[in-house]
Amino acid sequence: MQVSDPLDQRWLLISPAMLLAATWAAALALAFTPQRITGSLRDAWREALRPSLVALSNTGDWIGNRWAEFRCGDSRLPEAEQKIAALNEQLRTLRTQLLLAHSDRPPGPPSQPHDLGQPPPLLIAQSISARVLGRQAQMFLPPRDLLDVGRTKGATPQALVLDDGAISSASSISSAITSAAPLLDQGHDAAVQRGRLVLAGARVWGKVAEAGPHTSTVQRVTDPGYRDLVQLARQQDGRLHFAARGMLVGRGEALCKIEMVEAADLVTVGDLVFTVDDGVLDAPLLYGRVARVERKPGSTQWEIWMEPAVEAHSPPTQVTVLRMELNPARLAAADNGE
């Protein structure tokens, strides 16, 4: 390639050594130049580079602000997710209440029975808020709070616990903990009672299996051995009609089984499954919806599978445990001879 420009040809004749020598000569000249002259040169260079320095400083500030916003947004993400989950739970509860408001279920007891000359109810339901402890929290708790047996299995306070060699390593302990039933951070100290319903909003997640001093375990509706009396309801003509009753049975599978429903009762896929009114709660609680219905030839009962209202892949982190207790107003009325 030939260079046609004479100026370019002259630049090519300058060797790197000559450029280096010229640079050193300029540096030495500036070193021995009086300060009044070099100060003027520095001021001139500073003024010439000021726009670039300002732009660079502004760019650094902008990047720092964006990084701070990014970190702040990332730290607030769990809080935002919790708010979204709470709003979704409120929406589900409102939908259930709306369905129950347009149902053929008889209205509940009046809120102020004294005004009608009726005695107050004997039992009232109280709710206990609890958190579902995760794996790290369970690992932190003492092992005595993590035993999967309780008073119903014959365990008593101060009883000796022997190591039979079944769990001999930290990894085995971790595996046993994480595969155990869900653990709540409330126990006898919060008046949690065994067998009481555990709710995620207005949906039934399970029952209290065992209650310890400060924690309790949950038997989910899908766990083997879970049983409860339920009632089915179908939506028709804009209303919710309650119909058959059956026994909900957990089988350790994704779907629960509803047994003891006569074939003469009308059951369809999509029917809702509620708790049976026990005279204490103001409204029944949602268990789930009918996912599959079959009837074998010659059988007098339906085979019904229910999809739980609380999804297995998204278990709740905050739950409510129901507690039944005697109504103080009823006891006070009895003491006053009313």
Protein backbone atom coordinates (compact mmCIF):
# COMPACT_ATOMS: atom_id res chain seq x y z
CA MET A 1 0.00 0.00 0.00
CA GLN A 2 1.43 3.38 -1.05
CA VAL A 3 0.90 6.61 0.85
CA SER A 4 0.07 9.41 -1.55
CA ASP A 5 -0.06 12.25 0.95
CA PRO A 6 3.41 13.86 1.50
CA LEU A 7 2.47 14.73 5.08
CA ASP A 8 1.78 11.10 5.84
CA GLN A 9 5.12 10.19 4.29
CA ARG A 10 6.94 12.62 6.61
CA TRP A 11 5.17 11.12 9.69
CA LEU A 12 6.30 7.67 8.67
CA LEU A 13 9.93 8.85 8.62
CA ILE A 14 9.73 9.73 12.36
CA SER A 15 10.92 6.80 14.43
CA PRO A 16 9.48 5.86 17.86
CA ALA A 17 12.82 6.73 19.42
CA MET A 18 12.55 10.29 18.12
CA LEU A 19 9.01 10.59 19.56
CA LEU A 20 10.18 9.32 22.95
CA ALA A 21 13.13 11.75 22.94
CA ALA A 22 10.82 14.64 22.07
CA THR A 23 8.47 13.69 24.91
CA TRP A 24 11.30 13.57 27.44
CA ALA A 25 12.60 16.90 26.20
CA ALA A 26 9.17 18.49 26.65
CA ALA A 27 8.93 17.02 30.16
CA LEU A 28 12.36 18.39 31.13
CA ALA A 29 11.49 21.76 29.69
CA LEU A 30 8.32 21.89 31.79
CA ALA A 31 10.29 20.83 34.86
CA PHE A 32 12.69 23.78 34.55
CA THR A 33 10.06 26.25 33.41
CA PRO A 34 9.13 28.90 36.01
CA GLN A 35 6.02 28.10 38.06
CA ARG A 36 4.15 31.19 36.90
CA ILE A 37 4.29 29.85 33.35
CA THR A 38 3.44 26.21 34.21
CA GLY A 39 0.56 27.36 36.44
CA SER A 40 -0.97 29.17 33.48
CA LEU A 41 -0.57 26.04 31.37
CA ARG A 42 -2.21 23.85 34.01
CA ASP A 43 -5.11 26.29 34.30
CA ALA A 44 -5.54 26.25 30.54
CA TRP A 45 -5.52 22.45 30.44
CA ARG A 46 -7.96 22.29 33.37
CA GLU A 47 -10.41 24.63 31.67
CA ALA A 48 -10.13 22.66 28.44
CA LEU A 49 -10.83 19.37 30.21
CA ARG A 50 -13.52 20.69 32.57
CA PRO A 51 -16.53 19.63 30.39
CA SER A 52 -15.19 16.09 30.12
CA LEU A 53 -14.52 15.91 33.88
CA VAL A 54 -18.04 17.19 34.66
CA ALA A 55 -19.56 14.67 32.27
CA LEU A 56 -17.49 11.86 33.80
CA SER A 57 -18.52 12.88 37.34
CA ASN A 58 -22.20 13.02 36.37
CA THR A 59 -21.95 9.61 34.74
CA GLY A 60 -20.42 8.16 37.90
CA ASP A 61 -23.17 9.66 40.05
CA TRP A 62 -25.87 8.32 37.70
CA ILE A 63 -24.38 4.82 37.78
CA GLY A 64 -24.17 4.95 41.59
CA ASN A 65 -27.80 6.04 41.90
CA ARG A 66 -29.01 3.32 39.53
CA TRP A 67 -27.01 0.72 41.45
CA ALA A 68 -28.50 1.91 44.74
CA GLU A 69 -32.01 1.72 43.27
CA PHE A 70 -31.29 -1.76 41.97
CA ARG A 71 -30.08 -2.98 45.36
CA CYS A 72 -32.99 -1.28 47.12
CA GLY A 73 -35.48 -2.81 44.72
CA ASP A 74 -33.93 -6.24 45.17
CA SER A 75 -34.21 -5.95 48.97
CA ARG A 76 -37.85 -4.92 48.73
CA LEU A 77 -38.75 -7.78 46.40
CA PRO A 78 -39.67 -10.26 49.18
CA GLU A 79 -41.84 -7.59 50.83
CA ALA A 80 -43.63 -6.94 47.54
CA GLU A 81 -44.17 -10.67 47.03
CA GLN A 82 -45.65 -10.95 50.52
CA LYS A 83 -48.05 -8.09 49.79
CA ILE A 84 -49.12 -9.73 46.54
CA ALA A 85 -49.70 -13.04 48.31
CA ALA A 86 -51.73 -11.29 51.03
CA LEU A 87 -53.87 -9.50 48.45
CA ASN A 88 -54.47 -12.76 46.57
CA GLU A 89 -55.51 -14.41 49.82
CA GLN A 90 -57.93 -11.57 50.57
CA LEU A 91 -59.36 -11.94 47.07
CA ARG A 92 -59.94 -15.68 47.59
CA THR A 93 -61.58 -15.01 50.94
CA LEU A 94 -63.90 -12.38 49.47
CA ARG A 95 -64.89 -14.71 46.64
CA THR A 96 -65.70 -17.47 49.11
CA GLN A 97 -67.72 -15.10 51.27
CA LEU A 98 -69.59 -13.88 48.19
CA LEU A 99 -70.46 -17.44 47.24
CA LEU A 100 -71.66 -18.21 50.76
CA ALA A 101 -73.73 -15.03 50.81
CA HIS A 102 -75.62 -16.31 47.74
CA SER A 103 -76.24 -19.82 49.00
CA ASP A 104 -79.15 -21.83 50.31
CA ARG A 105 -77.36 -22.24 53.62
CA PRO A 106 -79.45 -21.00 56.58
CA PRO A 107 -78.20 -17.74 58.08
CA GLY A 108 -75.93 -18.00 61.08
CA PRO A 109 -76.79 -16.99 64.61
CA PRO A 110 -77.44 -13.30 65.24
CA SER A 111 -74.42 -11.27 66.25
CA GLN A 112 -76.16 -9.97 69.38
CA PRO A 113 -78.32 -12.79 70.76
CA HIS A 114 -79.05 -10.90 74.00
CA ASP A 115 -81.23 -8.49 72.06
CA LEU A 116 -83.51 -11.37 71.10
CA GLY A 117 -83.63 -12.86 74.55
CA GLN A 118 -81.42 -15.80 73.57
CA PRO A 119 -78.50 -17.02 75.65
CA PRO A 120 -75.01 -16.43 74.24
CA PRO A 121 -73.35 -19.43 72.53
CA LEU A 122 -71.48 -21.85 74.73
CA LEU A 123 -68.44 -22.11 72.50
CA ILE A 124 -66.65 -19.43 70.51
CA ALA A 125 -63.83 -19.71 67.99
CA GLN A 126 -60.59 -17.80 68.42
CA SER A 127 -57.81 -17.52 65.86
CA ILE A 128 -54.08 -17.83 66.55
CA SER A 129 -51.64 -16.43 64.01
CA ALA A 130 -48.60 -18.59 63.31
CA ARG A 131 -45.69 -18.73 60.91
CA VAL A 132 -44.66 -21.82 59.00
CA LEU A 133 -41.01 -22.41 59.85
CA GLY A 134 -38.64 -23.15 57.00
CA ARG A 135 -35.74 -25.57 56.84
CA GLN A 136 -33.14 -23.21 58.29
CA ALA A 137 -35.43 -22.31 61.19
CA GLN A 138 -36.10 -25.97 61.92
CA MET A 139 -32.38 -26.73 61.92
CA PHE A 140 -31.87 -23.94 64.45
CA LEU A 141 -34.42 -25.28 66.93
CA PRO A 142 -33.37 -27.79 69.59
CA PRO A 143 -33.96 -31.42 68.62
CA ARG A 144 -36.45 -31.88 71.47
CA ASP A 145 -38.87 -29.64 69.60
CA LEU A 146 -38.55 -31.69 66.43
CA LEU A 147 -39.53 -35.17 67.57
CA ASP A 148 -42.33 -36.58 65.46
CA VAL A 149 -44.13 -38.21 68.41
CA GLY A 150 -45.97 -36.64 71.28
CA ARG A 151 -48.30 -37.30 74.15
CA THR A 152 -50.65 -39.32 71.97
CA LYS A 153 -47.80 -41.76 71.28
CA GLY A 154 -46.92 -42.13 74.95
CA ALA A 155 -44.16 -39.53 75.14
CA THR A 156 -44.02 -37.67 78.46
CA PRO A 157 -41.95 -34.76 79.77
CA GLN A 158 -38.52 -35.70 81.20
CA ALA A 159 -38.64 -39.08 79.43
CA LEU A 160 -35.31 -40.37 78.18
CA VAL A 161 -34.60 -40.26 74.44
CA LEU A 162 -32.28 -43.00 73.24
CA ASP A 163 -30.26 -43.04 70.02
CA ASP A 164 -30.96 -46.27 68.17
CA GLY A 165 -28.45 -45.46 65.45
CA ALA A 166 -31.08 -44.69 62.84
CA ILE A 167 -29.78 -41.14 62.51
CA SER A 168 -26.02 -40.91 62.84
CA SER A 169 -24.92 -37.94 60.76
CA ALA A 170 -25.73 -34.30 60.25
CA SER A 171 -26.95 -34.98 56.72
CA SER A 172 -29.33 -37.65 58.00
CA ILE A 173 -30.66 -35.28 60.64
CA SER A 174 -31.20 -32.60 58.00
CA SER A 175 -33.01 -35.06 55.76
CA ALA A 176 -35.26 -36.19 58.60
CA ILE A 177 -36.14 -32.63 59.50
CA THR A 178 -36.93 -31.42 56.00
CA SER A 179 -39.08 -34.47 55.22
CA ALA A 180 -41.12 -34.09 58.41
CA ALA A 181 -44.52 -32.44 58.74
CA PRO A 182 -44.70 -28.63 58.49
CA LEU A 183 -43.75 -26.89 61.72
CA LEU A 184 -45.49 -23.84 63.19
CA ASP A 185 -43.94 -21.38 65.61
CA GLN A 186 -46.85 -21.60 68.07
CA GLY A 187 -47.54 -24.28 70.65
CA HIS A 188 -49.00 -24.75 74.10
CA ASP A 189 -47.72 -21.30 75.09
CA ALA A 190 -50.26 -19.84 72.61
CA ALA A 191 -53.03 -22.30 73.59
CA VAL A 192 -52.70 -24.30 70.34
CA GLN A 193 -54.70 -27.52 70.62
CA ARG A 194 -54.21 -30.80 68.83
CA GLY A 195 -56.76 -31.54 66.10
CA ARG A 196 -57.67 -27.91 65.42
CA LEU A 197 -57.92 -26.65 61.87
CA VAL A 198 -55.01 -24.77 60.30
CA LEU A 199 -56.17 -22.19 57.76
CA ALA A 200 -54.60 -20.20 54.96
CA GLY A 201 -57.11 -17.37 54.84
CA ALA A 202 -60.52 -19.02 54.48
CA ARG A 203 -59.01 -22.24 53.08
CA VAL A 204 -58.24 -25.34 55.12
CA TRP A 205 -54.60 -26.43 54.93
CA GLY A 206 -54.75 -29.16 57.55
CA LYS A 207 -54.98 -29.85 61.27
CA VAL A 208 -52.62 -29.59 64.21
CA ALA A 209 -51.05 -33.03 64.55
CA GLU A 210 -48.99 -32.45 67.69
CA ALA A 211 -48.58 -29.38 69.89
CA GLY A 212 -45.37 -28.88 71.85
CA PRO A 213 -44.35 -26.18 74.31
CA HIS A 214 -43.51 -23.62 71.61
CA THR A 215 -44.10 -25.33 68.25
CA SER A 216 -46.65 -27.58 66.62
CA THR A 217 -46.77 -29.82 63.56
CA VAL A 218 -49.39 -29.80 60.82
CA GLN A 219 -51.08 -32.74 59.15
CA ARG A 220 -52.02 -31.49 55.69
CA VAL A 221 -55.27 -32.52 54.02
CA THR A 222 -53.30 -34.66 51.56
CA ASP A 223 -51.25 -36.47 54.23
CA PRO A 224 -52.10 -40.12 54.91
CA GLY A 225 -54.59 -40.59 57.73
CA TYR A 226 -56.20 -37.17 57.44
CA ARG A 227 -59.98 -37.41 57.93
CA ASP A 228 -62.76 -34.89 58.29
CA LEU A 229 -66.48 -34.64 57.59
CA VAL A 230 -67.19 -32.38 54.60
CA GLN A 231 -70.14 -31.13 52.61
CA LEU A 232 -70.36 -30.60 48.87
CA ALA A 233 -71.89 -27.56 47.21
CA ARG A 234 -72.57 -26.79 43.56
CA GLN A 235 -73.12 -23.49 41.80
CA GLN A 236 -76.40 -23.24 39.96
CA ASP A 237 -78.46 -20.24 38.82
CA GLY A 238 -76.02 -17.87 40.48
CA ARG A 239 -76.43 -19.52 43.86
CA LEU A 240 -74.46 -22.03 45.89
CA HIS A 241 -76.49 -25.11 46.78
CA PHE A 242 -75.27 -27.40 49.55
CA ALA A 243 -75.98 -31.08 48.95
CA ALA A 244 -74.27 -34.31 49.94
CA ARG A 245 -71.93 -34.94 52.83
CA GLY A 246 -68.99 -37.29 52.89
CA MET A 247 -65.74 -38.22 54.60
CA LEU A 248 -62.57 -36.51 53.35
CA VAL A 249 -59.58 -38.87 53.45
CA GLY A 250 -55.93 -38.00 52.82
CA ARG A 251 -53.97 -40.66 50.95
CA GLY A 252 -50.50 -39.14 50.57
CA GLU A 253 -51.28 -38.13 46.99
CA ALA A 254 -51.94 -34.85 45.21
CA LEU A 255 -55.71 -35.43 45.34
CA CYS A 256 -57.79 -36.36 48.37
CA LYS A 257 -60.58 -38.91 48.37
CA ILE A 258 -64.15 -38.20 49.47
CA GLU A 259 -65.90 -41.36 50.60
CA MET A 260 -69.38 -42.37 51.79
CA VAL A 261 -71.31 -40.25 49.26
CA GLU A 262 -74.36 -42.09 47.96
CA ALA A 263 -74.73 -42.52 44.20
CA ALA A 264 -78.23 -41.05 44.45
CA ASP A 265 -76.71 -37.66 45.33
CA LEU A 266 -75.88 -35.31 42.48
CA VAL A 267 -72.09 -34.74 42.27
CA THR A 268 -70.27 -33.08 39.37
CA VAL A 269 -66.72 -31.99 38.61
CA GLY A 270 -66.18 -28.46 39.88
CA ASP A 271 -68.36 -28.78 42.97
CA LEU A 272 -66.89 -27.04 45.98
CA VAL A 273 -66.03 -28.86 49.22
CA PHE A 274 -66.57 -27.12 52.57
CA THR A 275 -66.33 -27.99 56.24
CA VAL A 276 -69.52 -29.08 57.91
CA ASP A 277 -71.22 -26.46 60.05
CA ASP A 278 -70.50 -27.35 63.68
CA GLY A 279 -72.51 -24.55 65.26
CA VAL A 280 -69.44 -22.52 66.22
CA LEU A 281 -68.09 -20.95 63.04
CA ASP A 282 -70.07 -18.22 61.33
CA ALA A 283 -69.49 -19.79 57.89
CA PRO A 284 -68.03 -23.03 56.53
CA LEU A 285 -64.45 -23.11 55.35
CA LEU A 286 -63.28 -24.12 51.89
CA TYR A 287 -61.45 -27.43 51.50
CA GLY A 288 -61.19 -27.56 47.71
CA ARG A 289 -63.06 -28.56 44.57
CA VAL A 290 -64.12 -31.86 43.03
CA ALA A 291 -61.58 -32.83 40.36
CA ARG A 292 -62.83 -36.28 39.34
CA VAL A 293 -66.00 -38.34 39.83
CA GLU A 294 -66.46 -42.03 39.04
CA ARG A 295 -68.88 -44.79 39.91
CA LYS A 296 -68.10 -48.43 39.42
CA PRO A 297 -70.83 -50.66 37.97
CA GLY A 298 -73.10 -51.89 40.72
CA SER A 299 -71.60 -49.57 43.35
CA THR A 300 -73.95 -47.56 45.55
CA GLN A 301 -71.40 -44.84 46.29
CA TRP A 302 -69.45 -42.31 44.27
CA GLU A 303 -65.68 -42.32 44.01
CA ILE A 304 -64.75 -38.66 44.35
CA TRP A 305 -61.32 -37.03 44.19
CA MET A 306 -60.83 -33.51 45.53
CA GLU A 307 -58.20 -30.96 44.58
CA PRO A 308 -57.16 -29.05 47.75
CA ALA A 309 -57.74 -25.30 47.81
CA VAL A 310 -54.20 -24.79 49.15
CA GLU A 311 -51.82 -25.78 46.36
CA ALA A 312 -49.04 -28.16 47.34
CA HIS A 313 -46.46 -26.28 45.26
CA SER A 314 -47.15 -22.99 47.05
CA PRO A 315 -47.63 -23.72 50.77
CA PRO A 316 -48.51 -20.75 52.99
CA THR A 317 -45.94 -18.95 55.11
CA GLN A 318 -48.51 -17.41 57.47
CA VAL A 319 -51.45 -19.42 58.79
CA THR A 320 -54.23 -19.25 61.36
CA VAL A 321 -54.97 -21.94 63.91
CA LEU A 322 -58.54 -22.13 65.18
CA ARG A 323 -59.09 -22.55 68.88
CA MET A 324 -62.36 -23.40 70.62
CA GLU A 325 -63.03 -22.09 74.10
CA LEU A 326 -65.92 -21.51 76.44
CA ASN A 327 -67.68 -18.21 75.96
CA PRO A 328 -66.97 -15.94 78.96
CA ALA A 329 -70.30 -14.17 78.38
CA ARG A 330 -72.12 -17.52 78.73
CA LEU A 331 -70.28 -18.36 81.93
CA ALA A 332 -70.97 -14.90 83.33
CA ALA A 333 -74.67 -15.26 82.49
CA ALA A 334 -74.76 -18.62 84.23
CA ASP A 335 -73.08 -17.18 87.32
CA ASN A 336 -75.62 -14.36 87.43
CA GLY A 337 -78.51 -16.80 87.20
CA GLU A 338 -79.72 -15.58 83.81
